[in-house]
Structure formats: C-alpha cells, structure tokens
Amino acid sequence: MENAFTPIHEVGEFGLIERLRSVLGAPSDDRLLLGIGDDAAVYRTGPGDLAQVVTTDALVEGIHFNPSFMPMNYLGFKALSVNVSDVVAMNAKPRYATLALGLPNHIPVEQVELLYEGLRRACDLYGVTLIGGDVAAARQLTLAITAIGEADAAHLAFRRGAQPGDLLCVTGDLGASLAGLKILLKQRRALERLGDEFQPDFSAYRYVVERHLTPTARLDAVRHWDERGVRPRALIDISDGLASEVHHLCRQSGCGAVLYAQALPVDVQTRQVADELEEDVDTFALFGGEDYELLFALREQDLDQLDDPFSQVIGRFTPADEGVVLQTPSGETLSLDAGGYQHFGSGG
C-alpha cells in the first residue's frame, strides 16, 4: 500500500502555513500578543505599554529576483525594505535587523560588498541597525532577514479589526512594480535577440523600473498617522497584490468589501506600459504585487485628519455575506477573486 503524500501546490502557501501551525499547537506564552497569521508577530518584553514586532522574510534567486537585471546594491536595499514593510504594516517602527545570507561560491567579494552598500542605504533611510546574522555557502543566492520593530501596544494595527462601513484606503499608487518588471523582461528579451547591438533605454520608464527594483516601505505613512493621532482599524502591506490583500483583511475581520475600479490609483507610466503591451491596467493594479503600499481600514470620521497621499479611498468594507466585489465605472459589480502571486503554484 502506497503512502498518500500531498503535493504542496494542492494546499498552497497559506494552506501549508495553517497545517504547520496546527503541528506547533497554540502558544501558551502570556506575553505573546499575536503569533502566526499576520504581517508580523507581536510580544511584550516586560511590563509597560511597549510591544516588540518581529518578522522574517526571504528573497530567493530565481523566485523573488532575477540576478541578470537586479544589481546587488538594489537587491540589498529591496531585501531590507520588504521586511521593514511588514513591520510598518503593524503600525510599528523598525529598529533592528539580522541577515542570514546564503552565498554561492561564484559571487566575488566585491559584489557582496555592493549588496551590503544597498543594505546600509536602506538602514539609513529607515533608521534600522543591522546587528548580526549568518553567512553560509548555498547553491542559490538567498537573503533571509529578520526585522524587529516596536510600538505602543495600543497603537498596533492588525489584519483583523475592520468593520462594515469603514473606508478601504491605500497609500501611493498600484501596479507600478509589475509594470517595471515587464519592462525589464522586455529589455532582457531584446538583449538576447540583438546581442551587442542592443542599447537599453529606461528613460521613459524610470519610475516603474525603480518601483520594482527598489521599493520603499511606507514608514512615512506610519509617522504621518502617528502625528495626526489616527490609527487604522485594520492594516496590511501589498506584497502579493491588492486583490489578495483585500481578501486577507476581509477574512480576518469577518467582513466583505466593495472596491471602486475608477478609484484605483495608477501612475501614468504604469498606464503607458499597459497600453504598449496591450494589457489591462486594472489587472496591474489588482493583481500585480510587490508594490509595498499599505492597505487599511479607516473610520470615515478620521479621513479629514490625513493628507491625501496617506489615505486614498478605494472602497468600503461591507457585511461578510456581500463578499468581495469590484464596482465598475458603470455601476456593475463583479466578484473579485484573491488572485495575486502564489508560492507553490501547480507549475512548481
């Protein structure tokens, strides 16, 4: 009799996480405020109101980045930004980080130094101190960063907490990272076809290419909310795509949501790329991923206290039985699937 093994792609990334969480069992530490299942874990280190936030994220060559068009200094900057984004997605501020670096032997020391120059630039931007880590030989370049932040426990925001009637808001614009990736892939194909005759030109696409190569965590939004005395009711960063993250907020808050297609903020360069490739720009905005903007629930009475770049209204939370839908400019409502990037897809 053969053993019945389950391929990971049948349960997917989040199904796998749920199964592993059941193996570990429920935590019994009374200082733990939030464990597995959000952008970061939260715990108290002692008496008082201060809580610490900790998150770990990995970037793996061939999965999260392509070394043929990702300079090492950009990779270092992006690796830390991705982790800082998880900290700010708890309405917390980053403080420290460690790096576990899996390093192939063919990479020269000078390239590793470039990687750390990018890390240092990100540390300076976010006020983070890199305090240690590990270096090991590996077949593929891998960066696994743990970031530690802190916040007053009363100021923290989780994925749960949205209520029907709350506004659904986002910082910045959407779809730019995917547009930048598509331009990079297009230029690489041209290089493979033309060889030495190819002259790359990113001048018309600088913004979207930079949004893909060097995304910036929205720590500025957290600082702005703090200055105005406003706390989001629920909060998540947009790493896997807007549609996917809306579903996370709704699932953990017990809500539905309606998104207004005409309100999705999209930069002019993103629209230009979509037009040139004859693709739907709404698909970029809804399913692109890696924008690292913040998606959050906000009480309507708090909206006037915030500046526009930090509180763009793109929808509203609804009762759970209304599901997650997209309202078109004509008023038609369409069911919106989670979509977005999925680890462990059926194609591996």
Protein backbone atom coordinates (compact mmCIF):
# COMPACT_ATOMS: atom_id res chain seq x y z
CA MET A 1 0.00 0.00 0.00
CA GLU A 2 1.46 3.34 -1.09
CA ASN A 3 1.70 6.28 1.31
CA ALA A 4 -0.67 9.12 0.41
CA PHE A 5 1.51 12.21 0.15
CA THR A 6 0.04 15.67 -0.52
CA PRO A 7 1.86 17.89 -3.03
CA ILE A 8 2.41 21.34 -1.56
CA HIS A 9 0.74 23.04 -4.54
CA GLU A 10 -2.55 21.33 -3.61
CA VAL A 11 -2.75 23.25 -0.32
CA GLY A 12 -0.82 26.36 -1.39
CA GLU A 13 1.28 28.71 0.72
CA PHE A 14 -1.41 29.68 3.20
CA GLY A 15 -2.85 26.18 3.47
CA LEU A 16 0.65 24.92 4.27
CA ILE A 17 1.07 27.60 6.94
CA GLU A 18 -2.21 26.54 8.56
CA ARG A 19 -1.16 22.88 8.63
CA LEU A 20 2.22 23.75 10.14
CA ARG A 21 0.57 25.96 12.72
CA SER A 22 -1.61 23.03 13.77
CA VAL A 23 1.54 20.91 14.21
CA LEU A 24 3.02 23.52 16.55
CA GLY A 25 -0.20 23.92 18.54
CA ALA A 26 -1.49 27.02 20.28
CA PRO A 27 1.18 29.12 22.05
CA SER A 28 0.90 29.39 25.83
CA ASP A 29 3.14 32.43 26.42
CA ASP A 30 1.05 35.17 28.01
CA ARG A 31 3.47 37.83 26.73
CA LEU A 32 2.66 36.91 23.12
CA LEU A 33 0.07 39.35 21.76
CA LEU A 34 -0.06 37.96 18.22
CA GLY A 35 1.57 34.93 16.64
CA ILE A 36 1.44 33.27 13.22
CA GLY A 37 -1.03 34.69 10.70
CA ASP A 38 -0.34 38.41 10.33
CA ASP A 39 2.42 40.51 8.75
CA ALA A 40 4.49 40.11 11.93
CA ALA A 41 4.36 38.61 15.42
CA VAL A 42 3.93 40.86 18.45
CA TYR A 43 5.06 40.30 22.03
CA ARG A 44 5.82 42.17 25.23
CA THR A 45 9.33 42.02 26.65
CA GLY A 46 8.26 43.12 30.11
CA PRO A 47 5.77 45.30 31.98
CA GLY A 48 4.60 48.51 30.38
CA ASP A 49 2.92 49.54 27.16
CA LEU A 50 5.81 48.92 24.74
CA ALA A 51 5.48 45.92 22.42
CA GLN A 52 8.01 44.46 20.01
CA VAL A 53 7.23 43.37 16.47
CA VAL A 54 9.29 40.72 14.67
CA THR A 55 9.11 39.42 11.10
CA THR A 56 11.24 37.25 8.84
CA ASP A 57 11.16 37.32 5.04
CA ALA A 58 13.38 35.70 2.44
CA LEU A 59 14.38 36.62 -1.10
CA VAL A 60 15.47 33.61 -3.18
CA GLU A 61 17.29 33.84 -6.51
CA GLY A 62 15.07 32.72 -9.37
CA ILE A 63 11.90 33.07 -7.28
CA HIS A 64 11.92 36.63 -5.94
CA PHE A 65 14.57 38.21 -8.15
CA ASN A 66 16.47 37.66 -11.37
CA PRO A 67 20.19 38.42 -10.96
CA SER A 68 20.52 39.28 -14.65
CA PHE A 69 18.73 42.60 -14.08
CA MET A 70 18.88 43.06 -10.29
CA PRO A 71 22.10 44.90 -9.30
CA MET A 72 23.43 43.75 -5.95
CA ASN A 73 23.12 47.15 -4.26
CA TYR A 74 19.48 47.32 -5.36
CA LEU A 75 18.91 43.79 -4.05
CA GLY A 76 20.28 44.74 -0.64
CA PHE A 77 18.02 47.78 -0.46
CA LYS A 78 14.96 45.78 -1.54
CA ALA A 79 15.63 42.92 0.88
CA LEU A 80 15.51 45.21 3.90
CA SER A 81 12.59 47.24 2.54
CA VAL A 82 10.47 44.10 2.17
CA ASN A 83 10.96 43.30 5.86
CA VAL A 84 10.51 46.86 7.07
CA SER A 85 7.25 46.90 5.15
CA ASP A 86 5.96 44.03 7.31
CA VAL A 87 6.87 45.98 10.44
CA VAL A 88 5.11 49.16 9.32
CA ALA A 89 2.12 47.01 8.31
CA MET A 90 1.60 46.54 12.06
CA ASN A 91 1.67 50.35 12.54
CA ALA A 92 5.07 49.95 14.20
CA LYS A 93 8.50 51.46 13.60
CA PRO A 94 11.57 49.35 12.73
CA ARG A 95 14.64 49.29 14.96
CA TYR A 96 16.96 46.32 14.27
CA ALA A 97 17.58 43.60 11.67
CA THR A 98 19.66 40.47 11.17
CA LEU A 99 20.60 38.81 7.87
CA ALA A 100 21.13 35.13 7.07
CA LEU A 101 22.94 35.13 3.73
CA GLY A 102 23.12 32.04 1.51
CA LEU A 103 26.03 32.76 -0.83
CA PRO A 104 27.09 30.84 -3.98
CA ASN A 105 30.84 30.48 -4.33
CA HIS A 106 30.94 32.14 -7.75
CA ILE A 107 29.92 35.55 -6.40
CA PRO A 108 33.01 37.73 -5.81
CA VAL A 109 33.63 39.61 -2.58
CA GLU A 110 33.17 42.97 -4.33
CA GLN A 111 29.59 42.03 -5.26
CA VAL A 112 28.84 41.07 -1.68
CA GLU A 113 30.14 44.47 -0.59
CA LEU A 114 27.75 46.09 -3.09
CA LEU A 115 24.91 44.08 -1.55
CA TYR A 116 25.80 45.48 1.86
CA GLU A 117 26.02 49.01 0.49
CA GLY A 118 22.38 48.66 -0.52
CA LEU A 119 21.53 47.30 2.92
CA ARG A 120 23.31 50.24 4.54
CA ARG A 121 21.40 52.72 2.38
CA ALA A 122 18.11 51.15 3.45
CA CYS A 123 19.21 51.10 7.10
CA ASP A 124 19.96 54.83 6.91
CA LEU A 125 16.58 55.54 5.31
CA TYR A 126 14.53 53.61 7.87
CA GLY A 127 16.64 54.21 10.98
CA VAL A 128 17.47 50.50 11.29
CA THR A 129 20.64 48.96 12.71
CA LEU A 130 21.85 45.68 11.22
CA ILE A 131 23.08 43.85 14.31
CA GLY A 132 24.22 40.44 13.04
CA GLY A 133 23.28 37.31 11.16
CA ASP A 134 24.92 34.40 9.39
CA VAL A 135 26.73 33.61 6.14
CA ALA A 136 26.65 30.12 4.62
CA ALA A 137 27.51 28.53 1.30
CA ALA A 138 24.47 27.96 -0.94
CA ARG A 139 23.65 26.94 -4.50
CA GLN A 140 21.42 29.99 -4.99
CA LEU A 141 21.75 33.48 -3.59
CA THR A 142 19.31 33.77 -0.69
CA LEU A 143 18.71 36.59 1.77
CA ALA A 144 16.62 35.89 4.87
CA ILE A 145 16.17 39.00 7.01
CA THR A 146 14.59 39.25 10.44
CA ALA A 147 13.42 42.75 11.31
CA ILE A 148 12.47 43.90 14.80
CA GLY A 149 10.32 46.93 15.47
CA GLU A 150 8.41 48.44 18.34
CA ALA A 151 5.24 50.35 19.12
CA ASP A 152 2.96 51.25 21.95
CA ALA A 153 0.68 48.22 22.21
CA ALA A 154 -2.38 50.48 21.97
CA HIS A 155 -1.16 51.84 18.61
CA LEU A 156 -0.69 48.49 16.88
CA ALA A 157 -2.91 47.57 13.95
CA PHE A 158 -3.62 44.02 12.80
CA ARG A 159 -5.29 42.44 9.79
CA ARG A 160 -8.39 41.98 11.92
CA GLY A 161 -10.36 44.98 13.10
CA ALA A 162 -12.20 46.31 10.03
CA GLN A 163 -15.95 46.80 10.40
CA PRO A 164 -18.73 47.20 7.82
CA GLY A 165 -18.92 50.86 6.86
CA ASP A 166 -15.20 51.51 7.30
CA LEU A 167 -13.39 53.07 4.37
CA LEU A 168 -10.93 50.91 2.41
CA CYS A 169 -7.84 53.04 1.78
CA VAL A 170 -4.42 52.72 0.22
CA THR A 171 -1.19 54.71 0.20
CA GLY A 172 0.55 55.58 -3.07
CA ASP A 173 -0.18 54.04 -6.48
CA LEU A 174 -0.68 50.45 -7.60
CA GLY A 175 0.69 48.20 -10.33
CA ALA A 176 3.95 50.06 -10.86
CA SER A 177 6.18 47.20 -9.71
CA LEU A 178 4.61 44.78 -12.19
CA ALA A 179 4.94 47.38 -14.95
CA GLY A 180 8.63 47.78 -14.09
CA LEU A 181 9.16 44.02 -14.13
CA LYS A 182 7.53 43.72 -17.55
CA ILE A 183 9.82 46.44 -18.94
CA LEU A 184 12.89 44.69 -17.52
CA LEU A 185 11.81 41.38 -19.06
CA LYS A 186 11.11 43.07 -22.38
CA GLN A 187 14.57 44.68 -22.40
CA ARG A 188 16.22 41.37 -21.50
CA ARG A 189 14.50 39.63 -24.40
CA ALA A 190 15.75 42.39 -26.70
CA LEU A 191 19.28 41.87 -25.37
CA GLU A 192 19.09 38.13 -26.04
CA ARG A 193 17.84 38.80 -29.57
CA LEU A 194 20.20 41.64 -30.58
CA GLY A 195 23.30 40.91 -28.52
CA ASP A 196 25.95 43.64 -28.66
CA GLU A 197 23.74 45.76 -30.92
CA PHE A 198 21.23 46.26 -28.11
CA GLN A 199 21.25 49.63 -26.33
CA PRO A 200 19.00 49.58 -23.23
CA ASP A 201 16.89 52.68 -22.64
CA PHE A 202 14.85 53.02 -19.45
CA SER A 203 14.42 56.79 -19.60
CA ALA A 204 10.70 56.60 -20.35
CA TYR A 205 10.13 54.00 -17.62
CA ARG A 206 12.42 55.12 -14.81
CA TYR A 207 9.68 55.40 -12.20
CA VAL A 208 8.16 51.94 -12.69
CA VAL A 209 11.55 50.23 -13.00
CA GLU A 210 12.68 51.81 -9.73
CA ARG A 211 9.41 50.78 -8.08
CA HIS A 212 10.27 47.17 -8.92
CA LEU A 213 13.99 47.22 -8.16
CA THR A 214 13.97 49.47 -5.08
CA PRO A 215 10.52 49.58 -3.48
CA THR A 216 10.25 51.77 -0.40
CA ALA A 217 8.40 50.70 2.75
CA ARG A 218 5.78 53.27 3.78
CA LEU A 219 7.26 54.23 7.13
CA ASP A 220 6.33 57.80 6.22
CA ALA A 221 2.65 56.84 6.40
CA VAL A 222 3.03 55.36 9.89
CA ARG A 223 4.76 58.55 11.04
CA HIS A 224 2.02 60.69 9.46
CA TRP A 225 -0.77 58.70 11.16
CA ASP A 226 1.06 58.99 14.47
CA GLU A 227 1.43 62.77 14.08
CA ARG A 228 -2.30 63.11 13.37
CA GLY A 229 -3.36 60.76 16.17
CA VAL A 230 -5.05 58.31 13.78
CA ARG A 231 -4.80 54.52 13.92
CA PRO A 232 -6.03 52.29 11.07
CA ARG A 233 -8.69 49.80 12.14
CA ALA A 234 -7.01 47.03 10.09
CA LEU A 235 -3.78 47.09 8.14
CA ILE A 236 -1.68 45.03 5.70
CA ASP A 237 1.04 45.72 3.14
CA ILE A 238 0.57 44.94 -0.55
CA SER A 239 3.13 42.28 -1.37
CA ASP A 240 1.08 39.64 -3.23
CA GLY A 241 -1.38 42.00 -4.95
CA LEU A 242 -4.24 44.28 -3.95
CA ALA A 243 -6.99 41.69 -4.50
CA SER A 244 -5.18 39.10 -2.39
CA GLU A 245 -4.58 41.54 0.47
CA VAL A 246 -8.21 42.72 0.49
CA HIS A 247 -9.26 39.11 0.97
CA HIS A 248 -6.82 38.75 3.90
CA LEU A 249 -8.31 41.80 5.64
CA CYS A 250 -11.86 40.65 5.00
CA ARG A 251 -11.23 37.08 6.10
CA GLN A 252 -9.62 38.06 9.39
CA SER A 253 -12.04 40.92 10.07
CA GLY A 254 -15.19 38.98 9.18
CA CYS A 255 -16.20 41.49 6.50
CA GLY A 256 -16.84 41.82 2.81
CA ALA A 257 -15.65 44.73 0.68
CA VAL A 258 -16.50 46.68 -2.44
CA LEU A 259 -13.63 48.19 -4.44
CA TYR A 260 -14.24 51.08 -6.85
CA ALA A 261 -12.39 50.38 -10.10
CA GLN A 262 -12.33 54.06 -11.08
CA ALA A 263 -10.67 54.97 -7.75
CA LEU A 264 -7.65 52.67 -8.05
CA PRO A 265 -4.58 54.98 -8.08
CA VAL A 266 -2.35 54.17 -11.06
CA ASP A 267 0.68 56.18 -12.21
CA VAL A 268 0.80 57.46 -15.78
CA GLN A 269 3.88 55.31 -16.54
CA THR A 270 2.04 52.19 -15.41
CA ARG A 271 -0.81 53.05 -17.79
CA GLN A 272 1.72 53.68 -20.56
CA VAL A 273 3.29 50.23 -20.09
CA ALA A 274 -0.11 48.53 -20.04
CA ASP A 275 -1.11 50.34 -23.25
CA GLU A 276 2.14 49.45 -25.01
CA LEU A 277 1.78 45.78 -24.08
CA GLU A 278 -1.97 45.84 -24.87
CA GLU A 279 -2.81 44.65 -21.37
CA ASP A 280 -5.49 45.72 -18.89
CA VAL A 281 -4.11 48.29 -16.46
CA ASP A 282 -6.69 47.25 -13.83
CA THR A 283 -5.05 43.82 -13.82
CA PHE A 284 -1.75 45.51 -12.95
CA ALA A 285 -3.37 47.37 -10.06
CA LEU A 286 -5.38 44.44 -8.70
CA PHE A 287 -3.02 41.51 -9.11
CA GLY A 288 0.48 42.92 -9.69
CA GLY A 289 2.02 42.61 -6.24
CA GLU A 290 5.31 43.89 -4.81
CA ASP A 291 4.04 47.47 -4.59
CA TYR A 292 4.57 47.51 -0.80
CA GLU A 293 1.95 50.17 -0.34
CA LEU A 294 -0.27 49.93 2.74
CA LEU A 295 -3.92 48.84 2.55
CA PHE A 296 -6.07 49.69 5.54
CA ALA A 297 -9.47 50.22 7.10
CA LEU A 298 -10.25 53.74 8.31
CA ARG A 299 -13.19 55.21 10.15
CA GLU A 300 -14.89 57.77 7.93
CA GLN A 301 -14.58 60.49 10.58
CA ASP A 302 -10.78 60.08 10.56
CA LEU A 303 -10.38 60.73 6.84
CA ASP A 304 -10.24 64.55 7.05
CA GLN A 305 -7.36 64.38 9.53
CA LEU A 306 -5.00 62.75 6.99
CA ASP A 307 -3.27 64.10 3.91
CA ASP A 308 -4.30 62.58 0.56
CA PRO A 309 -1.13 60.56 -0.20
CA PHE A 310 -1.64 58.61 3.01
CA SER A 311 -5.38 57.90 2.77
CA GLN A 312 -6.71 57.38 -0.76
CA VAL A 313 -10.20 55.84 -0.59
CA ILE A 314 -10.62 52.91 -2.99
CA GLY A 315 -13.63 51.20 -1.47
CA ARG A 316 -15.61 50.35 1.63
CA PHE A 317 -15.99 47.38 3.94
CA THR A 318 -19.36 45.63 3.86
CA PRO A 319 -21.11 42.78 5.73
CA ALA A 320 -19.38 39.43 5.18
CA ASP A 321 -22.28 37.90 3.24
CA GLU A 322 -21.80 40.51 0.47
CA GLY A 323 -18.38 39.05 -0.39
CA VAL A 324 -15.52 40.91 -2.07
CA VAL A 325 -16.59 42.68 -5.25
CA LEU A 326 -15.28 45.20 -7.77
CA GLN A 327 -17.61 48.00 -8.83
CA THR A 328 -17.04 49.12 -12.42
CA PRO A 329 -17.48 52.75 -13.55
CA SER A 330 -20.89 51.77 -14.97
CA GLY A 331 -22.04 50.58 -11.54
CA GLU A 332 -21.86 46.87 -12.30
CA THR A 333 -20.39 44.70 -9.52
CA LEU A 334 -18.11 41.76 -10.29
CA SER A 335 -16.92 39.11 -7.86
CA LEU A 336 -13.22 39.67 -7.13
CA ASP A 337 -11.07 36.59 -6.57
CA ALA A 338 -7.94 36.80 -4.44
CA GLY A 339 -5.51 36.25 -7.33
CA GLY A 340 -2.06 37.75 -6.92
CA TYR A 341 1.24 35.91 -6.55
CA GLN A 342 1.06 32.39 -5.15
CA HIS A 343 4.04 30.39 -3.93
CA PHE A 344 3.89 26.66 -4.70
CA GLY A 345 1.62 27.03 -7.76
CA SER A 346 0.71 23.91 -9.71
CA GLY A 347 3.62 24.56 -12.03
CA GLY A 348 6.06 24.47 -9.10
